[in-house]
Every structure is written in C-alpha cells, then in structure tokens.
Amino acid sequence: MAGPAFRAAAVRVRVPATSANLGPGFDAFGLGLGLYDDIVVRVAEAGLHVDIAGEGAETLARDERHLVVRSMRAAFDRLGGQPRGLEVVCANRIPHGRGLGSSSAAIVAGIMAARAVTVGGTETLDQAATLALASELEGHPDNVAACLLGGFTIAWTDAFDGDGVQTAGAGAHAVTLAPNPDVVPVVFIPSNPVLTEVARGLLPATVPHADAAANVGRAALLVEAITRRPELLLAATEDRLHQDYRTPAMPQSAALVAGLRAEGVAAVISGAGPTVLALTDESAADKVLSFAGEGWAAHRLALDTEGAVILPLSQ
C-alpha cells in the first residue's frame, strides 16, 4: 500500500502558551495566552535538519529527540507514513519549565505541521484526532486542549487507570468557551524552572473529601466567573487540591500567590509552576504588575482565542 503524498511547500504553525488548572480546575481547565512559538516545516529529499532560535536554543536537541520532531513522527505514523526528509525551524518564545505549556506547544505544533504538509492530512487527522494524539503524547489534555483550541477550555478523558486517575489518549475531549474580554492575564515568571515531574511527585494519592467538594464548587464557579462575571474570579480560583502540596518545590511562587490574593487579586500557580498567573482587569493591571520583585519577570498578556493556526510564511 502506497504511503501518503507530501506537499513541497513549507508550512508555518503558530501555537500559544497556555496556563492549566487556573486554581481549582486541576487537569481540566486551560487558558490560551498571547505568547507564541512558531515553527516552519518543509519536507526535504532526505535527512533531518533542526534549527532553534529563542528559548531552549542552547539546550534542546537538534535531532530525533526534539519534541516537535517526535510529535511529527507520531502524527506521520497516524497519517500513513514518514517523509524522506524534514527541515524544521523553531522560533521559541514560551519559557521552558515554567508552567506555561511549552511542551504542549511543541506537541501541538508538530502534529499540526505534519498534517499540514501531508496531502489530505487535515481530513485524516481531524481536530478530535489531533487532540487525542496530543493528549496521548503529553499525558494529560488540559494544556494541549487550550493550545489547540484557544480560549478557556474544559478537557476530560473517558479512560481511568487502576487508581481512578484520568488517562490521556483516544478518550480525550474538550470544549472551548470565550473568556470575558475584560479579563487581563498577568504572568510572573521566575528565573529558575521547576520540572513538571517534580511538581506532580509532591501530590498525595488521596485528598480529604471536604477539599475535593470545595474544589468542585469553585471549579463550577470559575466557568461563570471567567466567561461572564470576572468580579467572582477571586473566590472562583481558590484551590485545595494541588497548590499547597507543591509549595516545597516553589516557596517563592506560593508566597507571591498569597500576597496577591491578600490584595484581592485572583492569583494562582500556572500549571505545575513555578510561574504565577494573575487574572485582573484593565484598571488594575499596572498595579498588579508592580508586585514583581527581584527575580521575577512580569508580563501582561492578551487572551488567545484562536489556538494553533497555520500562517503564511510572510506574516
């Protein structure tokens, strides 16, 4: 059986940073942020060439180990076969190891690029299949859903492991809602990363029933707060499931969250940390930015509502 046909022209994919959890929505909620990685991919006659600029340029592999390449290979397998060669150019702006979805961005970018350079790829690997594959590669669907779809996303899976924990893969689903345009995200990015594996390793196998019940209520409220009633964001972003347990790995982040919340700012750990995400409004954004002390880079970002997109090479 013949393999797929590939397009000769290069394609460009832009993928947004994301913040997962948003406090109570552990492994379920995600938010697209206006900070982007771009990759340009072209099918070549032979071999693999990877070029990287920006974040990770000094440390990331430039061979088959690169996450964009691995994600492309997985997508090509689903599409029916591998191209003879690949040229991959990455312009990275999303910080690595900071809880802003850099790995999800690489995975989604790789899958999107693979299906774009494959004739009929978008039909063979549609949006649902792309989300399922991305979730499988990432291990959980929250960040990849927000990266792929943009906006405020709610992700879930059909499958659970023997301990009752959601498992990513073919049963991954997501819906995206439009966040209220008055919501202004501010991120506080520390200079040192924290590995997701370290942050997850601090979580207990079980939590008190009262804490789980509290999070269910706050998560439900957050859907209303972030889409229609931002004045409820402080209450809606309270969490008892994961942030306190991760404090030993990021005490400065936990202290910043506590300080911001004491001032009435809806602040949370972004994903697995250590970045802190504050959800504020236009009138308070400058004041919130002033909370950044030494060792922190504070940025006001836009909300991303498009998700991963194919762009003209010239744009």
C-alpha atoms as a PDB file:
ATOM      1  CA  MET A   1       0.000   0.000   0.000  1.00  0.00           C
ATOM      2  CA  ALA A   2       1.390   3.375  -1.023  1.00  0.00           C
ATOM      3  CA  GLY A   3       2.142   5.914   1.658  1.00  0.00           C
ATOM      4  CA  PRO A   4       0.787   9.453   1.793  1.00  0.00           C
ATOM      5  CA  ALA A   5       1.766  12.244  -0.591  1.00  0.00           C
ATOM      6  CA  PHE A   6       3.518  15.310   0.804  1.00  0.00           C
ATOM      7  CA  ARG A   7       3.396  18.951  -0.194  1.00  0.00           C
ATOM      8  CA  ALA A   8       6.590  20.576  -1.435  1.00  0.00           C
ATOM      9  CA  ALA A   9       5.854  23.996   0.066  1.00  0.00           C
ATOM     10  CA  ALA A  10       6.890  24.866   3.600  1.00  0.00           C
ATOM     11  CA  VAL A  11       4.211  25.444   6.246  1.00  0.00           C
ATOM     12  CA  ARG A  12       4.255  27.717   9.268  1.00  0.00           C
ATOM     13  CA  VAL A  13       2.451  26.899  12.522  1.00  0.00           C
ATOM     14  CA  ARG A  14       1.893  29.304  15.410  1.00  0.00           C
ATOM     15  CA  VAL A  15       0.949  27.908  18.831  1.00  0.00           C
ATOM     16  CA  PRO A  16       0.080  29.829  22.017  1.00  0.00           C
ATOM     17  CA  ALA A  17       1.343  29.500  25.560  1.00  0.00           C
ATOM     18  CA  THR A  18      -1.214  28.139  27.983  1.00  0.00           C
ATOM     19  CA  SER A  19      -1.977  28.129  31.679  1.00  0.00           C
ATOM     20  CA  ALA A  20      -3.578  24.993  33.096  1.00  0.00           C
ATOM     21  CA  ASN A  21      -5.602  24.319  36.252  1.00  0.00           C
ATOM     22  CA  LEU A  22      -6.404  28.008  36.954  1.00  0.00           C
ATOM     23  CA  GLY A  23      -6.626  27.089  40.616  1.00  0.00           C
ATOM     24  CA  PRO A  24      -9.432  24.561  41.187  1.00  0.00           C
ATOM     25  CA  GLY A  25      -9.645  23.012  37.693  1.00  0.00           C
ATOM     26  CA  PHE A  26      -6.814  20.525  38.176  1.00  0.00           C
ATOM     27  CA  ASP A  27      -6.004  18.630  34.938  1.00  0.00           C
ATOM     28  CA  ALA A  28      -9.209  20.002  33.392  1.00  0.00           C
ATOM     29  CA  PHE A  29      -9.090  23.773  32.803  1.00  0.00           C
ATOM     30  CA  GLY A  30      -6.800  25.617  30.415  1.00  0.00           C
ATOM     31  CA  LEU A  31      -6.430  29.157  29.100  1.00  0.00           C
ATOM     32  CA  GLY A  32      -4.785  30.302  25.868  1.00  0.00           C
ATOM     33  CA  LEU A  33      -2.299  33.145  26.340  1.00  0.00           C
ATOM     34  CA  GLY A  34      -0.929  35.630  23.823  1.00  0.00           C
ATOM     35  CA  LEU A  35       2.672  34.402  23.817  1.00  0.00           C
ATOM     36  CA  TYR A  36       3.644  32.263  20.837  1.00  0.00           C
ATOM     37  CA  ASP A  37       6.070  29.744  19.403  1.00  0.00           C
ATOM     38  CA  ASP A  38       6.385  29.474  15.620  1.00  0.00           C
ATOM     39  CA  ILE A  39       7.689  26.555  13.601  1.00  0.00           C
ATOM     40  CA  VAL A  40       8.326  26.296   9.881  1.00  0.00           C
ATOM     41  CA  VAL A  41       8.474  22.806   8.381  1.00  0.00           C
ATOM     42  CA  ARG A  42       9.388  21.639   4.889  1.00  0.00           C
ATOM     43  CA  VAL A  43       9.559  18.111   3.516  1.00  0.00           C
ATOM     44  CA  ALA A  44      13.077  17.521   2.179  1.00  0.00           C
ATOM     45  CA  GLU A  45      14.691  14.922  -0.046  1.00  0.00           C
ATOM     46  CA  ALA A  46      16.490  13.216   2.829  1.00  0.00           C
ATOM     47  CA  GLY A  47      17.730  13.589   6.400  1.00  0.00           C
ATOM     48  CA  LEU A  48      16.641  15.797   9.272  1.00  0.00           C
ATOM     49  CA  HIS A  49      17.707  19.381   9.918  1.00  0.00           C
ATOM     50  CA  VAL A  50      16.503  21.221  13.038  1.00  0.00           C
ATOM     51  CA  ASP A  51      17.231  24.869  13.775  1.00  0.00           C
ATOM     52  CA  ILE A  52      16.181  26.585  17.015  1.00  0.00           C
ATOM     53  CA  ALA A  53      16.099  30.256  17.972  1.00  0.00           C
ATOM     54  CA  GLY A  54      14.991  31.742  21.279  1.00  0.00           C
ATOM     55  CA  GLU A  55      14.006  29.681  24.314  1.00  0.00           C
ATOM     56  CA  GLY A  56      15.938  26.421  24.533  1.00  0.00           C
ATOM     57  CA  ALA A  57      18.324  27.279  21.705  1.00  0.00           C
ATOM     58  CA  GLU A  58      21.336  26.326  23.832  1.00  0.00           C
ATOM     59  CA  THR A  59      19.918  23.165  25.381  1.00  0.00           C
ATOM     60  CA  LEU A  60      17.359  21.452  23.147  1.00  0.00           C
ATOM     61  CA  ALA A  61      18.311  18.507  20.957  1.00  0.00           C
ATOM     62  CA  ARG A  62      18.533  19.077  17.228  1.00  0.00           C
ATOM     63  CA  ASP A  63      17.775  15.502  16.206  1.00  0.00           C
ATOM     64  CA  GLU A  64      15.011  12.915  16.534  1.00  0.00           C
ATOM     65  CA  ARG A  65      14.819  13.581  20.282  1.00  0.00           C
ATOM     66  CA  HIS A  66      13.380  17.065  19.751  1.00  0.00           C
ATOM     67  CA  LEU A  67       9.761  17.104  20.956  1.00  0.00           C
ATOM     68  CA  VAL A  68       8.446  18.808  17.824  1.00  0.00           C
ATOM     69  CA  VAL A  69      10.118  16.127  15.696  1.00  0.00           C
ATOM     70  CA  ARG A  70       8.861  13.282  17.898  1.00  0.00           C
ATOM     71  CA  SER A  71       5.348  14.682  17.686  1.00  0.00           C
ATOM     72  CA  MET A  72       5.597  14.980  13.913  1.00  0.00           C
ATOM     73  CA  ARG A  73       6.787  11.378  13.665  1.00  0.00           C
ATOM     74  CA  ALA A  74       3.829  10.189  15.740  1.00  0.00           C
ATOM     75  CA  ALA A  75       1.446  12.166  13.534  1.00  0.00           C
ATOM     76  CA  PHE A  76       3.027  10.860  10.313  1.00  0.00           C
ATOM     77  CA  ASP A  77       2.552   7.312  11.602  1.00  0.00           C
ATOM     78  CA  ARG A  78      -1.158   8.049  12.041  1.00  0.00           C
ATOM     79  CA  LEU A  79      -1.237   9.598   8.566  1.00  0.00           C
ATOM     80  CA  GLY A  80       0.198   6.508   6.892  1.00  0.00           C
ATOM     81  CA  GLY A  81       3.942   7.015   6.512  1.00  0.00           C
ATOM     82  CA  GLN A  82       7.047   9.124   7.045  1.00  0.00           C
ATOM     83  CA  PRO A  83       8.514  11.646   4.566  1.00  0.00           C
ATOM     84  CA  ARG A  84      12.004  11.077   3.217  1.00  0.00           C
ATOM     85  CA  GLY A  85      13.430  14.121   4.991  1.00  0.00           C
ATOM     86  CA  LEU A  86      12.438  17.105   7.109  1.00  0.00           C
ATOM     87  CA  GLU A  87      13.621  20.638   7.710  1.00  0.00           C
ATOM     88  CA  VAL A  88      12.308  22.151  10.949  1.00  0.00           C
ATOM     89  CA  VAL A  89      12.900  25.736  12.119  1.00  0.00           C
ATOM     90  CA  CYS A  90      11.647  26.700  15.602  1.00  0.00           C
ATOM     91  CA  ALA A  91      11.276  30.246  16.921  1.00  0.00           C
ATOM     92  CA  ASN A  92      10.576  29.719  20.633  1.00  0.00           C
ATOM     93  CA  ARG A  93       9.186  32.440  22.894  1.00  0.00           C
ATOM     94  CA  ILE A  94       7.400  30.335  25.525  1.00  0.00           C
ATOM     95  CA  PRO A  95       9.710  29.800  28.539  1.00  0.00           C
ATOM     96  CA  HIS A  96      10.557  26.180  29.305  1.00  0.00           C
ATOM     97  CA  GLY A  97       9.869  24.517  32.639  1.00  0.00           C
ATOM     98  CA  ARG A  98       7.783  27.434  33.916  1.00  0.00           C
ATOM     99  CA  GLY A  99       4.217  26.112  33.755  1.00  0.00           C
ATOM    100  CA  LEU A 100       3.252  27.923  30.546  1.00  0.00           C
ATOM    101  CA  GLY A 101       2.717  24.886  28.340  1.00  0.00           C
ATOM    102  CA  SER A 102       5.948  24.814  26.345  1.00  0.00           C
ATOM    103  CA  SER A 103       5.824  21.035  25.888  1.00  0.00           C
ATOM    104  CA  SER A 104       2.173  21.133  24.847  1.00  0.00           C
ATOM    105  CA  ALA A 105       3.009  23.880  22.355  1.00  0.00           C
ATOM    106  CA  ALA A 106       5.763  21.724  20.834  1.00  0.00           C
ATOM    107  CA  ILE A 107       3.469  18.700  20.619  1.00  0.00           C
ATOM    108  CA  VAL A 108       0.559  20.573  19.052  1.00  0.00           C
ATOM    109  CA  ALA A 109       2.888  22.398  16.653  1.00  0.00           C
ATOM    110  CA  GLY A 110       4.440  19.133  15.499  1.00  0.00           C
ATOM    111  CA  ILE A 111       1.109  17.433  14.885  1.00  0.00           C
ATOM    112  CA  MET A 112      -0.338  20.473  13.112  1.00  0.00           C
ATOM    113  CA  ALA A 113       2.736  20.756  10.890  1.00  0.00           C
ATOM    114  CA  ALA A 114       2.682  17.057   9.993  1.00  0.00           C
ATOM    115  CA  ARG A 115      -0.938  17.114   8.927  1.00  0.00           C
ATOM    116  CA  ALA A 116      -0.438  20.400   7.024  1.00  0.00           C
ATOM    117  CA  VAL A 117       2.414  19.033   4.863  1.00  0.00           C
ATOM    118  CA  THR A 118       0.530  15.789   4.188  1.00  0.00           C
ATOM    119  CA  VAL A 119      -1.969  15.801   1.340  1.00  0.00           C
ATOM    120  CA  GLY A 120      -5.349  15.123   2.939  1.00  0.00           C
ATOM    121  CA  GLY A 121      -3.788  15.302   6.380  1.00  0.00           C
ATOM    122  CA  THR A 122      -6.385  17.597   7.923  1.00  0.00           C
ATOM    123  CA  GLU A 123      -9.175  15.219   6.883  1.00  0.00           C
ATOM    124  CA  THR A 124      -7.348  12.092   8.042  1.00  0.00           C
ATOM    125  CA  LEU A 125      -6.224  13.629  11.336  1.00  0.00           C
ATOM    126  CA  ASP A 126      -9.094  15.950  12.189  1.00  0.00           C
ATOM    127  CA  GLN A 127      -9.383  18.195  15.249  1.00  0.00           C
ATOM    128  CA  ALA A 128     -10.693  15.425  17.510  1.00  0.00           C
ATOM    129  CA  ALA A 129      -7.942  13.020  16.445  1.00  0.00           C
ATOM    130  CA  THR A 130      -5.341  15.767  16.850  1.00  0.00           C
ATOM    131  CA  LEU A 131      -6.493  16.415  20.416  1.00  0.00           C
ATOM    132  CA  ALA A 132      -6.441  12.694  21.206  1.00  0.00           C
ATOM    133  CA  LEU A 133      -2.912  12.243  19.868  1.00  0.00           C
ATOM    134  CA  ALA A 134      -1.620  15.387  21.554  1.00  0.00           C
ATOM    135  CA  SER A 135      -3.136  14.263  24.866  1.00  0.00           C
ATOM    136  CA  GLU A 136      -1.557  10.847  24.474  1.00  0.00           C
ATOM    137  CA  LEU A 137       1.881  12.355  23.868  1.00  0.00           C
ATOM    138  CA  GLU A 138       1.580  14.941  26.677  1.00  0.00           C
ATOM    139  CA  GLY A 139      -0.026  12.597  29.196  1.00  0.00           C
ATOM    140  CA  HIS A 140      -2.978  14.848  30.070  1.00  0.00           C
ATOM    141  CA  PRO A 141      -5.305  17.001  27.966  1.00  0.00           C
ATOM    142  CA  ASP A 142      -5.567  20.354  29.788  1.00  0.00           C
ATOM    143  CA  ASN A 143      -2.679  22.291  28.203  1.00  0.00           C
ATOM    144  CA  VAL A 144      -2.900  20.701  24.751  1.00  0.00           C
ATOM    145  CA  ALA A 145      -6.624  21.490  24.567  1.00  0.00           C
ATOM    146  CA  ALA A 146      -6.046  25.181  25.294  1.00  0.00           C
ATOM    147  CA  CYS A 147      -3.111  25.275  22.871  1.00  0.00           C
ATOM    148  CA  LEU A 148      -5.054  23.612  20.071  1.00  0.00           C
ATOM    149  CA  LEU A 149      -8.385  25.381  20.547  1.00  0.00           C
ATOM    150  CA  GLY A 150      -7.564  28.669  22.315  1.00  0.00           C
ATOM    151  CA  GLY A 151      -9.842  30.447  24.752  1.00  0.00           C
ATOM    152  CA  PHE A 152     -10.911  28.920  28.060  1.00  0.00           C
ATOM    153  CA  THR A 153     -11.032  25.147  27.695  1.00  0.00           C
ATOM    154  CA  ILE A 154     -12.511  22.324  29.721  1.00  0.00           C
ATOM    155  CA  ALA A 155     -10.899  18.973  28.927  1.00  0.00           C
ATOM    156  CA  TRP A 156     -11.673  15.453  30.052  1.00  0.00           C
ATOM    157  CA  THR A 157     -10.987  11.825  29.149  1.00  0.00           C
ATOM    158  CA  ASP A 158     -13.143   8.711  29.086  1.00  0.00           C
ATOM    159  CA  ALA A 159     -10.469   6.407  30.466  1.00  0.00           C
ATOM    160  CA  PHE A 160      -9.194   5.962  34.029  1.00  0.00           C
ATOM    161  CA  ASP A 161      -6.299   3.896  35.344  1.00  0.00           C
ATOM    162  CA  GLY A 162      -6.451   1.446  38.225  1.00  0.00           C
ATOM    163  CA  ASP A 163      -6.130   4.254  40.762  1.00  0.00           C
ATOM    164  CA  GLY A 164      -9.022   6.202  39.280  1.00  0.00           C
ATOM    165  CA  VAL A 165      -6.768   8.783  37.614  1.00  0.00           C
ATOM    166  CA  GLN A 166      -7.694  10.084  34.157  1.00  0.00           C
ATOM    167  CA  THR A 167      -5.507   8.717  31.375  1.00  0.00           C
ATOM    168  CA  ALA A 168      -4.921  10.575  28.127  1.00  0.00           C
ATOM    169  CA  GLY A 169      -5.427   9.124  24.674  1.00  0.00           C
ATOM    170  CA  ALA A 170      -8.310   8.191  22.420  1.00  0.00           C
ATOM    171  CA  GLY A 171     -10.877   9.211  25.029  1.00  0.00           C
ATOM    172  CA  ALA A 172      -9.713  12.849  25.234  1.00  0.00           C
ATOM    173  CA  HIS A 173     -12.304  15.568  24.666  1.00  0.00           C
ATOM    174  CA  ALA A 174     -12.511  19.326  25.161  1.00  0.00           C
ATOM    175  CA  VAL A 175     -14.834  22.251  24.781  1.00  0.00           C
ATOM    176  CA  THR A 176     -13.738  25.846  24.436  1.00  0.00           C
ATOM    177  CA  LEU A 177     -15.569  28.873  25.805  1.00  0.00           C
ATOM    178  CA  ALA A 178     -14.896  32.550  25.144  1.00  0.00           C
ATOM    179  CA  PRO A 179     -13.278  34.193  28.178  1.00  0.00           C
ATOM    180  CA  ASN A 180     -14.702  37.551  29.171  1.00  0.00           C
ATOM    181  CA  PRO A 181     -12.751  40.219  27.229  1.00  0.00           C
ATOM    182  CA  ASP A 182     -12.364  42.273  30.429  1.00  0.00           C
ATOM    183  CA  VAL A 183     -10.074  39.586  31.897  1.00  0.00           C
ATOM    184  CA  VAL A 184      -6.406  40.621  31.682  1.00  0.00           C
ATOM    185  CA  PRO A 185      -3.800  37.896  32.348  1.00  0.00           C
ATOM    186  CA  VAL A 186      -0.546  38.918  34.045  1.00  0.00           C
ATOM    187  CA  VAL A 187       2.209  36.329  34.401  1.00  0.00           C
ATOM    188  CA  PHE A 188       5.085  36.421  36.881  1.00  0.00           C
ATOM    189  CA  ILE A 189       7.876  34.220  35.543  1.00  0.00           C
ATOM    190  CA  PRO A 190      10.750  33.296  37.881  1.00  0.00           C
ATOM    191  CA  SER A 191      14.283  32.806  36.650  1.00  0.00           C
ATOM    192  CA  ASN A 192      14.509  29.144  37.698  1.00  0.00           C
ATOM    193  CA  PRO A 193      12.358  26.326  36.300  1.00  0.00           C
ATOM    194  CA  VAL A 194      10.595  23.509  38.146  1.00  0.00           C
ATOM    195  CA  LEU A 195      10.177  20.189  36.372  1.00  0.00           C
ATOM    196  CA  THR A 196       6.573  19.058  35.971  1.00  0.00           C
ATOM    197  CA  GLU A 197       7.591  15.605  37.183  1.00  0.00           C
ATOM    198  CA  VAL A 198       8.883  17.109  40.436  1.00  0.00           C
ATOM    199  CA  ALA A 199       5.710  19.139  40.993  1.00  0.00           C
ATOM    200  CA  ARG A 200       3.457  16.158  40.267  1.00  0.00           C
ATOM    201  CA  GLY A 201       5.526  13.950  42.525  1.00  0.00           C
ATOM    202  CA  LEU A 202       4.547  16.082  45.520  1.00  0.00           C
ATOM    203  CA  LEU A 203       0.840  15.398  45.104  1.00  0.00           C
ATOM    204  CA  PRO A 204      -0.755  12.899  47.500  1.00  0.00           C
ATOM    205  CA  ALA A 205      -2.551   9.793  46.253  1.00  0.00           C
ATOM    206  CA  THR A 206      -5.726  10.842  48.100  1.00  0.00           C
ATOM    207  CA  VAL A 207      -7.183  14.106  49.387  1.00  0.00           C
ATOM    208  CA  PRO A 208      -9.800  14.860  52.054  1.00  0.00           C
ATOM    209  CA  HIS A 209     -13.384  14.632  50.839  1.00  0.00           C
ATOM    210  CA  ALA A 210     -14.063  18.178  52.059  1.00  0.00           C
ATOM    211  CA  ASP A 211     -11.221  19.542  49.913  1.00  0.00           C
ATOM    212  CA  ALA A 212     -12.485  17.702  46.841  1.00  0.00           C
ATOM    213  CA  ALA A 213     -16.004  19.012  47.431  1.00  0.00           C
ATOM    214  CA  ALA A 214     -14.717  22.553  47.846  1.00  0.00           C
ATOM    215  CA  ASN A 215     -12.830  22.366  44.559  1.00  0.00           C
ATOM    216  CA  VAL A 216     -15.872  21.074  42.688  1.00  0.00           C
ATOM    217  CA  GLY A 217     -17.820  24.143  43.752  1.00  0.00           C
ATOM    218  CA  ARG A 218     -15.010  26.578  42.945  1.00  0.00           C
ATOM    219  CA  ALA A 219     -14.374  24.975  39.561  1.00  0.00           C
ATOM    220  CA  ALA A 220     -18.040  25.290  38.656  1.00  0.00           C
ATOM    221  CA  LEU A 221     -17.993  28.920  39.756  1.00  0.00           C
ATOM    222  CA  LEU A 222     -14.866  29.592  37.702  1.00  0.00           C
ATOM    223  CA  VAL A 223     -16.702  28.724  34.482  1.00  0.00           C
ATOM    224  CA  GLU A 224     -19.168  31.526  35.247  1.00  0.00           C
ATOM    225  CA  ALA A 225     -16.508  33.923  36.532  1.00  0.00           C
ATOM    226  CA  ILE A 226     -14.071  33.705  33.642  1.00  0.00           C
ATOM    227  CA  THR A 227     -16.723  33.870  30.941  1.00  0.00           C
ATOM    228  CA  ARG A 228     -19.363  36.254  32.321  1.00  0.00           C
ATOM    229  CA  ARG A 229     -18.673  37.605  35.809  1.00  0.00           C
ATOM    230  CA  PRO A 230     -14.987  38.407  36.361  1.00  0.00           C
ATOM    231  CA  GLU A 231     -15.783  40.035  39.706  1.00  0.00           C
ATOM    232  CA  LEU A 232     -16.117  36.478  41.055  1.00  0.00           C
ATOM    233  CA  LEU A 233     -12.629  35.384  39.999  1.00  0.00           C
ATOM    234  CA  LEU A 234     -11.009  35.730  43.422  1.00  0.00           C
ATOM    235  CA  ALA A 235     -13.441  33.317  45.029  1.00  0.00           C
ATOM    236  CA  ALA A 236     -13.573  31.096  41.942  1.00  0.00           C
ATOM    237  CA  THR A 237      -9.799  30.496  41.838  1.00  0.00           C
ATOM    238  CA  GLU A 238      -9.475  29.081  45.360  1.00  0.00           C
ATOM    239  CA  ASP A 239      -7.828  25.659  45.371  1.00  0.00           C
ATOM    240  CA  ARG A 240      -7.314  22.886  47.910  1.00  0.00           C
ATOM    241  CA  LEU A 241      -6.182  20.021  45.680  1.00  0.00           C
ATOM    242  CA  HIS A 242      -2.692  20.765  44.438  1.00  0.00           C
ATOM    243  CA  GLN A 243      -1.134  24.189  45.067  1.00  0.00           C
ATOM    244  CA  ASP A 244      -0.399  23.830  48.789  1.00  0.00           C
ATOM    245  CA  TYR A 245       1.144  20.401  48.274  1.00  0.00           C
ATOM    246  CA  ARG A 246       3.554  21.848  45.707  1.00  0.00           C
ATOM    247  CA  THR A 247       4.768  24.695  47.926  1.00  0.00           C
ATOM    248  CA  PRO A 248       8.049  22.935  48.902  1.00  0.00           C
ATOM    249  CA  ALA A 249       9.124  22.968  45.237  1.00  0.00           C
ATOM    250  CA  MET A 250       8.242  26.655  44.712  1.00  0.00           C
ATOM    251  CA  PRO A 251       8.018  28.568  48.007  1.00  0.00           C
ATOM    252  CA  GLN A 252       8.563  31.966  46.375  1.00  0.00           C
ATOM    253  CA  SER A 253       5.701  31.304  43.947  1.00  0.00           C
ATOM    254  CA  ALA A 254       3.404  30.257  46.789  1.00  0.00           C
ATOM    255  CA  ALA A 255       4.316  33.398  48.706  1.00  0.00           C
ATOM    256  CA  LEU A 256       3.590  35.604  45.691  1.00  0.00           C
ATOM    257  CA  VAL A 257       0.205  33.934  45.166  1.00  0.00           C
ATOM    258  CA  ALA A 258      -0.653  34.508  48.828  1.00  0.00           C
ATOM    259  CA  GLY A 259       0.449  38.149  48.660  1.00  0.00           C
ATOM    260  CA  LEU A 260      -1.563  38.875  45.536  1.00  0.00           C
ATOM    261  CA  ARG A 261      -4.664  37.169  46.874  1.00  0.00           C
ATOM    262  CA  ALA A 262      -4.398  39.118  50.122  1.00  0.00           C
ATOM    263  CA  GLU A 263      -4.682  42.246  47.948  1.00  0.00           C
ATOM    264  CA  GLY A 264      -7.817  40.911  46.259  1.00  0.00           C
ATOM    265  CA  VAL A 265      -6.098  39.673  43.071  1.00  0.00           C
ATOM    266  CA  ALA A 266      -7.160  36.309  41.627  1.00  0.00           C
ATOM    267  CA  ALA A 267      -3.725  34.677  41.532  1.00  0.00           C
ATOM    268  CA  VAL A 268      -2.849  31.001  41.025  1.00  0.00           C
ATOM    269  CA  ILE A 269       0.098  28.787  40.188  1.00  0.00           C
ATOM    270  CA  SER A 270       0.194  28.426  36.410  1.00  0.00           C
ATOM    271  CA  GLY A 271       0.061  24.730  35.570  1.00  0.00           C
ATOM    272  CA  ALA A 272       2.723  22.854  37.506  1.00  0.00           C
ATOM    273  CA  GLY A 273       4.515  26.143  38.206  1.00  0.00           C
ATOM    274  CA  PRO A 274       6.547  27.979  39.112  1.00  0.00           C
ATOM    275  CA  THR A 275       5.007  30.841  37.089  1.00  0.00           C
ATOM    276  CA  VAL A 276       2.245  32.749  38.861  1.00  0.00           C
ATOM    277  CA  LEU A 277      -0.821  33.764  36.852  1.00  0.00           C
ATOM    278  CA  ALA A 278      -2.948  36.719  37.961  1.00  0.00           C
ATOM    279  CA  LEU A 279      -6.334  37.320  36.361  1.00  0.00           C
ATOM    280  CA  THR A 280      -7.144  41.007  36.677  1.00  0.00           C
ATOM    281  CA  ASP A 281      -8.764  43.804  34.668  1.00  0.00           C
ATOM    282  CA  GLU A 282      -7.668  46.889  32.745  1.00  0.00           C
ATOM    283  CA  SER A 283      -7.955  49.235  35.713  1.00  0.00           C
ATOM    284  CA  ALA A 284      -5.762  47.116  38.000  1.00  0.00           C
ATOM    285  CA  ALA A 285      -3.245  45.612  35.541  1.00  0.00           C
ATOM    286  CA  ASP A 286      -0.479  48.182  36.131  1.00  0.00           C
ATOM    287  CA  LYS A 287      -0.797  47.855  39.905  1.00  0.00           C
ATOM    288  CA  VAL A 288      -0.642  44.070  39.648  1.00  0.00           C
ATOM    289  CA  LEU A 289       2.498  44.281  37.509  1.00  0.00           C
ATOM    290  CA  SER A 290       4.180  46.273  40.288  1.00  0.00           C
ATOM    291  CA  PHE A 291       4.109  43.194  42.544  1.00  0.00           C
ATOM    292  CA  ALA A 292       7.037  41.737  40.606  1.00  0.00           C
ATOM    293  CA  GLY A 293      10.123  41.798  42.787  1.00  0.00           C
ATOM    294  CA  GLU A 294      13.709  40.816  42.135  1.00  0.00           C
ATOM    295  CA  GLY A 295      13.999  37.529  40.310  1.00  0.00           C
ATOM    296  CA  TRP A 296      10.629  37.843  38.577  1.00  0.00           C
ATOM    297  CA  ALA A 297       9.755  38.906  35.035  1.00  0.00           C
ATOM    298  CA  ALA A 298       6.193  40.239  34.908  1.00  0.00           C
ATOM    299  CA  HIS A 299       4.281  40.448  31.632  1.00  0.00           C
ATOM    300  CA  ARG A 300       0.774  41.489  30.757  1.00  0.00           C
ATOM    301  CA  LEU A 301      -0.504  39.155  28.059  1.00  0.00           C
ATOM    302  CA  ALA A 302      -3.512  39.076  25.793  1.00  0.00           C
ATOM    303  CA  LEU A 303      -6.017  36.238  25.833  1.00  0.00           C
ATOM    304  CA  ASP A 304      -5.535  33.893  22.892  1.00  0.00           C
ATOM    305  CA  THR A 305      -8.850  32.837  21.381  1.00  0.00           C
ATOM    306  CA  GLU A 306      -7.634  31.180  18.150  1.00  0.00           C
ATOM    307  CA  GLY A 307      -5.382  28.391  19.357  1.00  0.00           C
ATOM    308  CA  ALA A 308      -2.970  26.746  16.940  1.00  0.00           C
ATOM    309  CA  VAL A 309      -3.091  28.216  13.434  1.00  0.00           C
ATOM    310  CA  ILE A 310      -1.407  27.825  10.064  1.00  0.00           C
ATOM    311  CA  LEU A 311       0.005  31.177   8.927  1.00  0.00           C
ATOM    312  CA  PRO A 312       1.528  32.480   5.701  1.00  0.00           C
ATOM    313  CA  LEU A 313       5.313  32.339   5.774  1.00  0.00           C
ATOM    314  CA  SER A 314       5.492  36.113   5.290  1.00  0.00           C
ATOM    315  CA  GLN A 315       3.250  37.072   8.246  1.00  0.00           C
END
